[in-house]
Every structure is written in C-alpha cells, then in structure tokens.
N, C-alpha and C. Protein backbone atom coordinates (compact mmCIF):
# COMPACT_ATOMS: atom_id res chain seq x y z
N MET A 1 -11.25 -9.72 -1.60
CA MET A 1 -9.67 -9.53 -1.96
C MET A 1 -9.12 -11.05 -0.85
N THR A 2 -7.56 -10.70 -1.28
CA THR A 2 -6.35 -11.80 -0.51
C THR A 2 -5.93 -11.03 -0.40
N ALA A 3 -5.37 -12.37 1.04
CA ALA A 3 -3.88 -11.53 1.28
C ALA A 3 -3.15 -12.19 1.16
N LEU A 4 -1.74 -11.78 1.92
CA LEU A 4 -0.49 -12.00 0.91
C LEU A 4 0.27 -11.62 1.93
N THR A 5 1.68 -11.96 1.99
CA THR A 5 2.27 -12.13 3.01
C THR A 5 4.30 -11.91 2.06
N VAL A 6 4.14 -11.08 2.22
CA VAL A 6 5.56 -10.14 2.10
C VAL A 6 6.71 -10.41 2.63
N ARG A 7 7.49 -10.56 1.85
CA ARG A 7 9.41 -10.32 3.08
C ARG A 7 9.93 -8.99 2.83
N LEU A 8 10.21 -7.74 3.64
CA LEU A 8 10.79 -6.57 3.05
C LEU A 8 11.78 -6.36 3.90
N PRO A 9 12.70 -5.57 3.68
CA PRO A 9 13.84 -5.56 4.30
C PRO A 9 13.58 -4.15 5.19
N ASN A 10 13.77 -4.81 6.85
CA ASN A 10 13.50 -3.76 7.79
C ASN A 10 13.79 -1.95 7.09
N SER A 11 14.53 -2.10 6.65
CA SER A 11 15.00 -0.57 6.26
C SER A 11 13.61 -0.62 5.58
N VAL A 12 12.92 -1.31 4.32
CA VAL A 12 11.83 -0.42 3.58
C VAL A 12 10.48 -0.47 3.89
N HIS A 13 9.86 -1.43 4.80
CA HIS A 13 9.00 -1.55 5.73
C HIS A 13 9.46 -0.37 6.46
N ALA A 14 10.54 -0.12 7.10
CA ALA A 14 9.86 1.68 7.96
C ALA A 14 10.11 2.74 7.18
N LYS A 15 10.46 2.51 6.21
CA LYS A 15 9.94 3.73 5.46
C LYS A 15 8.83 3.65 5.03
N ILE A 16 8.50 2.84 4.42
CA ILE A 16 6.22 2.17 3.88
C ILE A 16 6.28 2.82 5.64
N ARG A 17 6.92 2.77 6.73
CA ARG A 17 5.20 2.71 7.29
C ARG A 17 5.89 4.33 8.40
N GLU A 18 6.60 4.68 7.66
CA GLU A 18 7.11 6.48 7.96
C GLU A 18 5.80 6.95 6.69
N LEU A 19 5.48 6.88 5.67
CA LEU A 19 5.90 7.30 4.63
C LEU A 19 3.49 6.94 4.49
N ALA A 20 3.73 5.88 4.89
CA ALA A 20 1.57 5.46 5.22
C ALA A 20 1.21 6.86 6.31
N ALA A 21 1.98 7.50 7.86
CA ALA A 21 1.49 7.52 8.46
C ALA A 21 1.49 9.06 8.61
N ARG A 22 2.32 9.62 7.53
CA ARG A 22 2.34 11.07 6.73
C ARG A 22 1.48 10.97 6.08
N ASP A 23 1.01 10.02 4.77
CA ASP A 23 -0.63 10.80 4.58
C ASP A 23 -1.44 10.23 4.85
N GLU A 24 -1.61 9.04 6.57
CA GLU A 24 -2.74 8.79 7.42
C GLU A 24 -3.31 7.78 6.69
N ILE A 25 -1.89 6.89 6.50
CA ILE A 25 -2.67 5.56 5.30
C ILE A 25 -2.57 4.75 5.81
N SER A 26 -3.26 3.29 6.00
CA SER A 26 -2.29 2.17 5.98
C SER A 26 -1.25 1.93 6.08
N VAL A 27 -0.56 0.84 6.43
CA VAL A 27 1.02 0.09 5.23
C VAL A 27 0.03 -0.65 4.21
N ASN A 28 -1.21 -1.09 4.57
CA ASN A 28 -1.62 -1.84 3.62
C ASN A 28 -2.23 -1.12 2.25
N GLN A 29 -2.93 -0.63 2.61
CA GLN A 29 -3.11 0.97 1.49
C GLN A 29 -2.23 1.62 1.39
N PHE A 30 -1.00 2.05 1.32
CA PHE A 30 -0.07 2.28 0.29
C PHE A 30 0.62 1.24 -0.03
N ILE A 31 0.84 -0.13 0.37
CA ILE A 31 1.44 -1.42 -0.16
C ILE A 31 0.50 -1.25 -1.76
N ALA A 32 -1.13 -1.23 -0.52
CA ALA A 32 -1.83 -2.19 -2.20
C ALA A 32 -1.60 -0.76 -3.50
N SER A 33 -1.97 0.73 -2.98
CA SER A 33 -1.03 2.02 -4.00
C SER A 33 -0.21 1.34 -4.87
N ALA A 34 0.78 1.34 -3.54
CA ALA A 34 2.63 0.94 -5.20
C ALA A 34 2.41 0.15 -6.08
N ALA A 35 1.25 -0.86 -5.75
CA ALA A 35 1.37 -2.15 -6.57
C ALA A 35 0.75 -1.87 -7.44
N ALA A 36 -0.21 -0.73 -7.80
CA ALA A 36 -1.10 -0.23 -8.24
C ALA A 36 -1.14 0.49 -9.42
N GLU A 37 -0.05 0.99 -9.20
CA GLU A 37 0.82 2.35 -9.85
C GLU A 37 1.65 1.79 -10.10
N LYS A 38 2.42 0.41 -10.55
CA LYS A 38 3.70 -0.08 -10.69
C LYS A 38 2.77 -1.00 -11.83
N LEU A 39 2.06 -1.17 -11.41
CA LEU A 39 1.16 -2.29 -12.85
C LEU A 39 0.32 -1.55 -13.68
N ALA A 40 -0.24 -0.40 -13.26
CA ALA A 40 -0.39 0.49 -14.82
C ALA A 40 0.65 1.30 -14.93
N SER A 41 1.70 1.20 -14.82
CA SER A 41 3.14 1.68 -15.41
C SER A 41 3.71 0.91 -16.59
N MET A 42 3.76 -0.36 -15.57
CA MET A 42 4.14 -1.31 -16.72
C MET A 42 3.27 -2.26 -18.30
N LEU A 43 1.70 -1.51 -17.80
CA LEU A 43 0.06 -1.96 -18.70
C LEU A 43 0.22 -1.23 -19.49
N THR A 44 0.26 0.53 -19.43
CA THR A 44 0.80 1.26 -20.37
C THR A 44 1.94 1.11 -21.13
N LEU A 45 2.51 0.88 -20.52
CA LEU A 45 4.23 0.14 -21.17
C LEU A 45 3.72 -0.99 -22.65
N ASP A 46 3.17 -2.29 -21.60
CA ASP A 46 2.82 -3.04 -22.76
C ASP A 46 2.19 -2.71 -23.92
N TYR A 47 0.71 -1.38 -23.85
CA TYR A 47 -0.20 -1.68 -24.58
C TYR A 47 0.73 -0.15 -25.58
N LEU A 48 1.85 0.48 -25.36
CA LEU A 48 2.17 1.58 -26.14
C LEU A 48 3.41 0.48 -26.60
N ARG A 49 3.69 -0.31 -26.67
CA ARG A 49 4.52 -1.68 -27.61
C ARG A 49 4.22 -1.54 -28.36
N ARG A 50 2.49 -2.82 -28.09
CA ARG A 50 1.54 -3.41 -28.91
C ARG A 50 2.11 -2.03 -30.30
N GLU A 51 0.81 -0.42 -29.61
CA GLU A 51 1.00 0.65 -30.52
C GLU A 51 1.70 0.60 -31.66
N ALA A 52 2.63 0.90 -31.39
CA ALA A 52 3.37 0.89 -31.67
C ALA A 52 4.44 -0.15 -33.57
N SER A 53 4.24 -1.05 -31.79
CA SER A 53 4.66 -2.56 -33.37
C SER A 53 3.12 -2.04 -34.12
N LEU A 54 2.07 -1.90 -34.43
CA LEU A 54 1.18 -1.60 -35.71
C LEU A 54 1.26 -0.68 -36.28
N GLY A 55 2.38 0.23 -35.57
CA GLY A 55 2.42 1.29 -36.58
C GLY A 55 3.04 1.53 -38.20
N ARG A 56 2.94 1.80 -39.32
CA ARG A 56 4.03 2.01 -40.24
C ARG A 56 4.92 3.02 -40.76
N ARG A 57 6.49 2.74 -40.75
CA ARG A 57 7.47 3.77 -41.01
C ARG A 57 7.03 4.82 -42.51
N GLU A 58 6.50 4.54 -43.27
CA GLU A 58 5.69 5.08 -44.55
C GLU A 58 4.57 6.11 -44.54
N ASP A 59 3.28 5.06 -43.09
CA ASP A 59 2.42 5.95 -42.60
C ASP A 59 2.83 7.67 -42.73
N PHE A 60 3.76 6.58 -41.23
CA PHE A 60 4.86 7.79 -39.99
C PHE A 60 5.39 9.10 -41.22
N GLN A 61 6.13 8.52 -41.73
CA GLN A 61 7.11 9.92 -43.15
C GLN A 61 6.00 10.07 -44.09
N ARG A 62 4.82 10.04 -43.70
CA ARG A 62 4.07 10.78 -44.85
C ARG A 62 3.20 11.57 -43.89
N TYR A 63 3.00 11.59 -42.71
CA TYR A 63 2.51 12.89 -42.44
C TYR A 63 3.50 13.78 -41.32
N LEU A 64 4.14 13.46 -41.32
CA LEU A 64 5.65 13.89 -40.87
C LEU A 64 5.64 14.56 -42.02
N ASN A 65 5.99 14.24 -43.02
CA ASN A 65 6.55 15.14 -45.14
C ASN A 65 5.11 16.81 -44.75
N ALA A 66 4.12 15.93 -44.25
CA ALA A 66 2.52 16.78 -44.73
C ALA A 66 3.20 17.71 -43.23
N VAL A 67 4.00 18.12 -42.53
CA VAL A 67 4.10 19.19 -41.81
C VAL A 67 5.13 20.45 -42.12
N PRO A 68 4.95 21.23 -41.65
CA PRO A 68 5.65 21.96 -42.95
C PRO A 68 7.31 22.52 -41.99
N ASP A 69 8.49 22.40 -42.84
CA ASP A 69 9.39 22.54 -41.60
C ASP A 69 9.98 23.97 -41.22
N VAL A 70 9.03 24.61 -40.93
CA VAL A 70 9.63 26.08 -40.33
C VAL A 70 9.79 26.49 -39.39
N PRO A 71 9.48 26.91 -38.60
CA PRO A 71 9.28 27.68 -37.82
C PRO A 71 8.13 28.04 -37.54
N ASP A 72 7.01 28.12 -36.09
CA ASP A 72 5.96 28.87 -36.01
C ASP A 72 6.65 30.54 -35.91
N GLU A 73 5.66 31.07 -36.73
CA GLU A 73 4.89 32.66 -36.07
C GLU A 73 5.74 32.80 -34.31
N ALA A 74 4.32 32.31 -34.14
CA ALA A 74 4.26 32.42 -32.23
C ALA A 74 5.26 31.73 -31.72
N ASP A 75 6.06 31.31 -32.34
CA ASP A 75 7.14 30.90 -31.49
C ASP A 75 8.40 30.98 -31.42
N LYS A 76 8.38 32.24 -32.50
CA LYS A 76 9.85 33.18 -32.14
C LYS A 76 10.18 34.45 -31.12
N VAL A 77 11.54 34.29 -30.13
CA VAL A 77 11.32 35.15 -29.50
C VAL A 77 11.33 37.15 -29.92
C-alpha cells in the first residue's frame, strides 16, 4: 500500500466521515473505494471509445438492415 496526503475542503471531509461512519467503514476505506470506482468508470469509458473506434459504419448498417423494421407482436399493447 502507498500512503497519500490529500487536502480536502472541511465540508467534503466532514461528509466523507459521516458517510463512512454510516457504512461502518474507515475514511481510508471510503476514499479507496471512491477512487477505485472512479478508475473503473474512466477505464470503462476508455475501453468503449477504443472499441467504438474499431467499428465500421458499413458493418453497423448491414446488421441494422438485417433487423425487421416492424414492432414485435409481443410489444403491442
């Protein structure tokens, strides 16, 4: 593990303490979890952008054209 000093506004620190206590976890655990969630979100976005850049419009259109353009019977109200 690595130690890290972070400066937070008092109001943010107070809310973190409050939420961590409510979940019965330490402030360190709360911040580590929040950082991991942010990383996962950003890495997922990067992954999706890379995958999208590999796509071809022609392939998309071919698959879209293969799907019937009528509502499914089960979807009718």
